[in-house]
């Protein structure tokens, strides 16, 4: 993952968040998560893609929490580039609240083989994610729940790979354009 000042290696799990920086998308959650993971000594990088009215506030929060070395802000990118980035990332955070509609980014992240951690209030989550089979579901807007799910994936690369494989399989076999 490309990150300002972060040193990444093969063993550093790359976490991705991609959305407009709006309140309903909860861009503060990945930053708060980074502070908790850093405090506990985890090795990780969080790349945040997008722009919007909450971007400056989110960058300030990262600075205040001292996680600028773990959280990168990568701006807007064309969709093909975002899909390429998804393919390079291990974990995808989908943190929106109940105001999110379907959330097509979930389809894309799963198709690219990300181990997804998604909020239980997003429209597509109960349809696409079978908790603990092809992704993990956390309690919406709950940092403790989000942290527990991400820690589970950081501590268990085999589980992360299994969820990634099953996510890709779900999208190609069950939610393919032909079937859907």
Protein backbone atom coordinates (compact mmCIF):
# COMPACT_ATOMS: atom_id res chain seq x y z
CA UNK A 1 0.00 0.00 0.00
CA UNK A 2 1.20 3.47 -0.75
CA UNK A 3 1.18 5.39 2.49
CA UNK A 4 2.79 8.61 3.61
CA UNK A 5 5.66 7.66 5.90
CA UNK A 6 4.51 4.11 6.57
CA UNK A 7 6.96 1.31 6.05
CA UNK A 8 5.19 -1.68 4.58
CA UNK A 9 6.45 -5.18 3.99
CA UNK A 10 5.02 -8.48 2.85
CA UNK A 11 3.87 -9.13 6.42
CA UNK A 12 2.01 -5.85 6.86
CA UNK A 13 -1.73 -6.31 6.35
CA UNK A 14 -3.07 -3.58 4.08
CA UNK A 15 -6.50 -2.28 5.08
CA UNK A 16 -8.60 -0.20 2.69
CA UNK A 17 -11.49 2.22 3.17
CA UNK A 18 -13.03 3.79 0.08
CA UNK A 19 -15.98 6.18 0.09
CA UNK A 20 -16.96 9.81 -0.01
CA UNK A 21 -15.87 11.45 3.23
CA UNK A 22 -19.39 12.02 4.57
CA UNK A 23 -20.78 11.57 8.08
CA UNK A 24 -22.93 8.58 7.04
CA UNK A 25 -19.80 6.79 5.74
CA UNK A 26 -18.04 7.16 9.14
CA UNK A 27 -14.49 7.99 7.98
CA UNK A 28 -13.57 8.58 11.64
CA UNK A 29 -13.92 4.86 12.44
CA UNK A 30 -10.82 3.67 10.51
CA UNK A 31 -8.77 6.46 12.14
CA UNK A 32 -9.99 5.58 15.65
CA UNK A 33 -9.35 1.93 14.82
CA UNK A 34 -5.78 2.79 13.78
CA UNK A 35 -5.15 4.48 17.15
CA UNK A 36 -6.36 1.40 19.03
CA UNK A 37 -4.37 -1.03 16.87
CA UNK A 38 -1.22 1.10 17.12
CA UNK A 39 -1.54 1.25 20.92
CA UNK A 40 -1.75 -2.56 21.01
CA UNK A 41 1.34 -2.90 18.79
CA UNK A 42 -0.25 -4.32 15.63
CA UNK A 43 1.51 -4.06 12.29
CA UNK A 44 -0.88 -2.65 9.63
CA UNK A 45 -1.56 0.17 7.19
CA UNK A 46 -4.93 1.80 6.47
CA UNK A 47 -5.33 3.48 3.09
CA UNK A 48 -8.32 5.79 2.79
CA UNK A 49 -9.57 6.67 -0.71
CA UNK A 50 -12.01 9.41 -1.59
CA UNK A 51 -12.79 13.05 -0.86
CA UNK A 52 -15.63 15.02 0.65
CA UNK A 53 -16.68 17.42 3.35
CA UNK A 54 -15.31 15.30 6.23
CA UNK A 55 -11.82 14.80 4.71
CA UNK A 56 -10.04 17.67 6.50
CA UNK A 57 -11.67 16.76 9.80
CA UNK A 58 -10.59 13.11 9.34
CA UNK A 59 -6.99 14.13 8.52
CA UNK A 60 -6.96 16.32 11.63
CA UNK A 61 -8.22 13.41 13.73
CA UNK A 62 -5.40 11.21 12.38
CA UNK A 63 -2.90 13.90 13.38
CA UNK A 64 -4.47 14.35 16.84
CA UNK A 65 -4.44 10.59 17.49
CA UNK A 66 -0.85 10.27 16.25
CA UNK A 67 -1.60 7.75 13.51
CA UNK A 68 -0.40 9.63 10.42
CA UNK A 69 2.27 6.94 10.03
CA UNK A 70 -0.43 4.24 9.84
CA UNK A 71 -3.21 6.01 7.91
CA UNK A 72 -2.76 7.32 4.37
CA UNK A 73 -5.13 9.56 2.45
CA UNK A 74 -5.02 8.69 -1.24
CA UNK A 75 -7.72 10.97 -2.69
CA UNK A 76 -10.09 10.16 -5.52
CA UNK A 77 -9.02 7.69 -8.19
CA UNK A 78 -10.68 6.36 -11.35
CA UNK A 79 -12.72 3.21 -10.73
CA UNK A 80 -10.21 0.95 -12.54
CA UNK A 81 -7.47 2.15 -10.16
CA UNK A 82 -9.72 1.59 -7.13
CA UNK A 83 -10.38 -1.98 -8.27
CA UNK A 84 -6.62 -2.47 -8.68
CA UNK A 85 -6.06 -1.14 -5.16
CA UNK A 86 -8.76 -3.46 -3.79
CA UNK A 87 -6.91 -6.40 -5.31
CA UNK A 88 -3.73 -5.34 -3.47
CA UNK A 89 -5.40 -4.89 -0.07
CA UNK A 90 -6.05 -7.64 2.45
CA UNK A 91 -8.97 -6.15 4.37
CA UNK A 92 -11.74 -3.79 3.28
CA UNK A 93 -13.62 -1.70 5.86
CA UNK A 94 -17.21 -0.79 5.01
CA UNK A 95 -18.23 1.44 7.90
CA UNK A 96 -21.38 3.25 6.71
CA UNK A 97 -24.49 3.48 8.86
CA UNK A 98 -28.16 2.80 8.08
CA UNK A 99 -28.27 5.78 5.69
CA UNK A 100 -26.21 3.81 3.14
CA UNK A 101 -28.35 2.25 0.43
CA UNK A 102 -27.15 -0.97 -1.17
CA UNK A 103 -23.45 -0.03 -1.18
CA UNK A 104 -22.10 -1.41 -4.48
CA UNK A 105 -18.51 -1.00 -3.23
CA UNK A 106 -19.10 -4.18 -1.20
CA UNK A 107 -19.72 -6.15 -4.41
CA UNK A 108 -16.47 -4.76 -5.82
CA UNK A 109 -14.36 -5.40 -2.71
CA UNK A 110 -15.61 -8.99 -2.44
CA UNK A 111 -15.05 -9.58 -6.17
CA UNK A 112 -11.46 -8.38 -5.73
CA UNK A 113 -10.93 -10.87 -2.91
CA UNK A 114 -10.79 -8.54 0.07
CA UNK A 115 -11.66 -9.91 3.49
CA UNK A 116 -14.49 -7.48 4.22
CA UNK A 117 -15.51 -6.12 7.60
CA UNK A 118 -18.91 -4.52 7.02
CA UNK A 119 -21.44 -2.66 9.14
CA UNK A 120 -24.62 -4.57 9.94
CA UNK A 121 -26.78 -1.60 8.88
CA UNK A 122 -25.67 -1.38 5.23
CA UNK A 123 -28.25 -2.57 2.70
CA UNK A 124 -26.06 -5.11 0.89
CA UNK A 125 -24.32 -6.60 3.94
CA UNK A 126 -27.01 -9.10 5.06
CA UNK A 127 -27.42 -10.25 1.44
CA UNK A 128 -23.75 -10.59 0.48
CA UNK A 129 -21.91 -11.39 3.71
CA UNK A 130 -22.41 -14.61 5.60
CA UNK A 131 -20.69 -13.67 8.85
CA UNK A 132 -17.51 -15.65 9.47
CA UNK A 133 -17.82 -17.43 6.10
CA UNK A 134 -17.10 -14.83 3.38
CA UNK A 135 -16.65 -11.71 5.51
CA UNK A 136 -17.21 -10.33 8.98
CA UNK A 137 -20.08 -8.14 10.16
CA UNK A 138 -19.63 -5.56 12.90
CA UNK A 139 -22.21 -3.61 14.89
CA UNK A 140 -22.77 -0.30 13.09
CA UNK A 141 -20.99 2.75 14.54
CA UNK A 142 -19.46 0.57 17.30
CA UNK A 143 -15.67 0.95 17.45
CA UNK A 144 -15.33 -1.96 19.91
CA UNK A 145 -17.13 -4.30 17.52
CA UNK A 146 -15.11 -3.05 14.53
CA UNK A 147 -11.84 -3.46 16.43
CA UNK A 148 -12.69 -7.01 17.52
CA UNK A 149 -13.42 -8.07 13.93
CA UNK A 150 -10.29 -6.47 12.47
CA UNK A 151 -8.07 -7.90 15.23
CA UNK A 152 -9.51 -11.33 14.41
CA UNK A 153 -8.25 -10.89 10.83
CA UNK A 154 -4.89 -9.40 11.79
CA UNK A 155 -4.18 -12.28 14.15
CA UNK A 156 -5.35 -15.00 11.79
CA UNK A 157 -3.96 -14.75 8.22
CA UNK A 158 -5.38 -18.19 7.39
CA UNK A 159 -8.89 -17.03 8.26
CA UNK A 160 -8.28 -13.82 6.31
CA UNK A 161 -7.31 -15.89 3.25
CA UNK A 162 -10.35 -18.16 3.67
CA UNK A 163 -12.75 -15.20 3.86
CA UNK A 164 -11.04 -13.62 0.85
CA UNK A 165 -11.39 -16.81 -1.18
CA UNK A 166 -15.03 -17.27 -0.16
CA UNK A 167 -15.85 -13.62 -0.91
CA UNK A 168 -14.50 -13.94 -4.45
CA UNK A 169 -16.36 -17.25 -4.87
CA UNK A 170 -19.64 -15.71 -3.61
CA UNK A 171 -19.41 -12.93 -6.16
CA UNK A 172 -18.43 -15.14 -9.10
CA UNK A 173 -20.86 -17.99 -8.43
CA UNK A 174 -23.84 -16.59 -6.54
CA UNK A 175 -23.90 -12.87 -7.33
CA UNK A 176 -22.56 -13.01 -10.86
CA UNK A 177 -24.38 -10.74 -13.32
CA UNK A 178 -25.83 -13.90 -14.91
CA UNK A 179 -27.27 -15.17 -11.62
CA UNK A 180 -28.21 -11.81 -10.09
